[in-house]
Amino acid sequence: MGNSVFVLVTSGFLASAAAIAMLGWSSVRAARQGQVERRRQVVFDAYAEREIARERLRKAARQTRDSSPHGTILQLH
């Protein structure tokens, strides 16, 4: 019983170490190829586009609200 626990714990440790090592090597390889900067730029661009779209929606809602002939628009949900 004690031997099988040792084998399971050791196997889990080795599998975790191997997974971490592979992630580390893939990060190093990506950094060498300049992919990290490109990925970061893509993420920032997507965030900026979402924020711009969100601000356009806010402005459109404000204009709709401000241009109401009755002063207030009733919204039914």
C-alpha atoms as a PDB file:
ATOM      1  CA  MET A   1       0.000   0.000   0.000  1.00  0.00           C
ATOM      2  CA  GLY A   2       2.756   2.436   0.954  1.00  0.00           C
ATOM      3  CA  ASN A   3       4.728   1.602  -2.170  1.00  0.00           C
ATOM      4  CA  SER A   4       1.802   2.347  -4.505  1.00  0.00           C
ATOM      5  CA  VAL A   5       1.234   5.743  -2.843  1.00  0.00           C
ATOM      6  CA  PHE A   6       4.899   6.576  -3.351  1.00  0.00           C
ATOM      7  CA  VAL A   7       4.693   5.587  -7.019  1.00  0.00           C
ATOM      8  CA  LEU A   8       1.536   7.685  -7.551  1.00  0.00           C
ATOM      9  CA  VAL A   9       2.989  10.748  -5.844  1.00  0.00           C
ATOM     10  CA  THR A  10       6.265  10.442  -7.738  1.00  0.00           C
ATOM     11  CA  SER A  11       4.432   9.980 -11.056  1.00  0.00           C
ATOM     12  CA  GLY A  12       2.272  13.027 -10.387  1.00  0.00           C
ATOM     13  CA  PHE A  13       5.310  15.104  -9.508  1.00  0.00           C
ATOM     14  CA  LEU A  14       7.169  14.042 -12.643  1.00  0.00           C
ATOM     15  CA  ALA A  15       4.132  14.713 -14.855  1.00  0.00           C
ATOM     16  CA  SER A  16       3.739  18.189 -13.332  1.00  0.00           C
ATOM     17  CA  ALA A  17       7.438  18.930 -13.793  1.00  0.00           C
ATOM     18  CA  ALA A  18       7.288  17.807 -17.421  1.00  0.00           C
ATOM     19  CA  ALA A  19       4.232  19.975 -18.116  1.00  0.00           C
ATOM     20  CA  ILE A  20       5.881  23.040 -16.548  1.00  0.00           C
ATOM     21  CA  ALA A  21       9.078  22.418 -18.505  1.00  0.00           C
ATOM     22  CA  MET A  22       7.181  22.165 -21.788  1.00  0.00           C
ATOM     23  CA  LEU A  23       5.340  25.425 -21.080  1.00  0.00           C
ATOM     24  CA  GLY A  24       8.636  27.086 -20.257  1.00  0.00           C
ATOM     25  CA  TRP A  25      10.290  25.919 -23.446  1.00  0.00           C
ATOM     26  CA  SER A  26       7.324  26.964 -25.580  1.00  0.00           C
ATOM     27  CA  SER A  27       7.446  30.419 -23.951  1.00  0.00           C
ATOM     28  CA  VAL A  28      11.147  30.743 -24.681  1.00  0.00           C
ATOM     29  CA  ARG A  29      10.651  29.659 -28.283  1.00  0.00           C
ATOM     30  CA  ALA A  30       7.735  32.091 -28.729  1.00  0.00           C
ATOM     31  CA  ALA A  31       9.802  34.924 -27.262  1.00  0.00           C
ATOM     32  CA  ARG A  32      12.630  34.184 -29.664  1.00  0.00           C
ATOM     33  CA  GLN A  33      10.258  34.339 -32.598  1.00  0.00           C
ATOM     34  CA  GLY A  34       8.652  37.567 -31.389  1.00  0.00           C
ATOM     35  CA  GLN A  35       5.245  35.967 -30.992  1.00  0.00           C
ATOM     36  CA  VAL A  36       4.777  37.165 -27.431  1.00  0.00           C
ATOM     37  CA  GLU A  37       4.759  40.791 -28.509  1.00  0.00           C
ATOM     38  CA  ARG A  38       2.379  40.027 -31.358  1.00  0.00           C
ATOM     39  CA  ARG A  39      -0.003  38.166 -29.032  1.00  0.00           C
ATOM     40  CA  ARG A  40       0.103  40.999 -26.530  1.00  0.00           C
ATOM     41  CA  GLN A  41      -0.618  43.528 -29.274  1.00  0.00           C
ATOM     42  CA  VAL A  42      -3.580  41.470 -30.521  1.00  0.00           C
ATOM     43  CA  VAL A  43      -5.013  41.342 -27.003  1.00  0.00           C
ATOM     44  CA  PHE A  44      -4.600  45.102 -26.537  1.00  0.00           C
ATOM     45  CA  ASP A  45      -6.151  45.814 -29.935  1.00  0.00           C
ATOM     46  CA  ALA A  46      -9.166  43.629 -29.158  1.00  0.00           C
ATOM     47  CA  TYR A  47      -9.624  45.373 -25.815  1.00  0.00           C
ATOM     48  CA  ALA A  48      -9.403  48.809 -27.442  1.00  0.00           C
ATOM     49  CA  GLU A  49     -11.927  47.859 -30.112  1.00  0.00           C
ATOM     50  CA  ARG A  50     -14.378  46.619 -27.462  1.00  0.00           C
ATOM     51  CA  GLU A  51     -14.009  49.827 -25.477  1.00  0.00           C
ATOM     52  CA  ILE A  52     -14.514  51.979 -28.581  1.00  0.00           C
ATOM     53  CA  ALA A  53     -17.653  50.032 -29.495  1.00  0.00           C
ATOM     54  CA  ARG A  54     -18.939  50.321 -25.917  1.00  0.00           C
ATOM     55  CA  GLU A  55     -18.379  54.089 -25.945  1.00  0.00           C
ATOM     56  CA  ARG A  56     -20.193  54.418 -29.274  1.00  0.00           C
ATOM     57  CA  LEU A  57     -23.180  52.592 -27.794  1.00  0.00           C
ATOM     58  CA  ARG A  58     -23.134  54.894 -24.751  1.00  0.00           C
ATOM     59  CA  LYS A  59     -23.034  57.983 -26.969  1.00  0.00           C
ATOM     60  CA  ALA A  60     -25.842  56.648 -29.159  1.00  0.00           C
ATOM     61  CA  ALA A  61     -27.966  55.941 -26.077  1.00  0.00           C
ATOM     62  CA  ARG A  62     -27.271  59.444 -24.745  1.00  0.00           C
ATOM     63  CA  GLN A  63     -28.201  61.042 -28.068  1.00  0.00           C
ATOM     64  CA  THR A  64     -31.394  58.996 -28.258  1.00  0.00           C
ATOM     65  CA  ARG A  65     -32.266  59.933 -24.708  1.00  0.00           C
ATOM     66  CA  ASP A  66     -31.444  63.615 -25.282  1.00  0.00           C
ATOM     67  CA  SER A  67     -33.346  63.851 -28.562  1.00  0.00           C
ATOM     68  CA  SER A  68     -36.645  62.476 -27.265  1.00  0.00           C
ATOM     69  CA  PRO A  69     -39.579  64.777 -28.102  1.00  0.00           C
ATOM     70  CA  HIS A  70     -41.219  63.968 -24.759  1.00  0.00           C
ATOM     71  CA  GLY A  71     -38.134  64.341 -22.595  1.00  0.00           C
ATOM     72  CA  THR A  72     -38.043  60.751 -21.390  1.00  0.00           C
ATOM     73  CA  ILE A  73     -38.078  57.457 -23.238  1.00  0.00           C
ATOM     74  CA  LEU A  74     -39.889  54.673 -21.465  1.00  0.00           C
ATOM     75  CA  GLN A  75     -38.193  51.348 -21.867  1.00  0.00           C
ATOM     76  CA  LEU A  76     -40.194  48.203 -21.336  1.00  0.00           C
ATOM     77  CA  HIS A  77     -38.281  45.018 -20.703  1.00  0.00           C
END
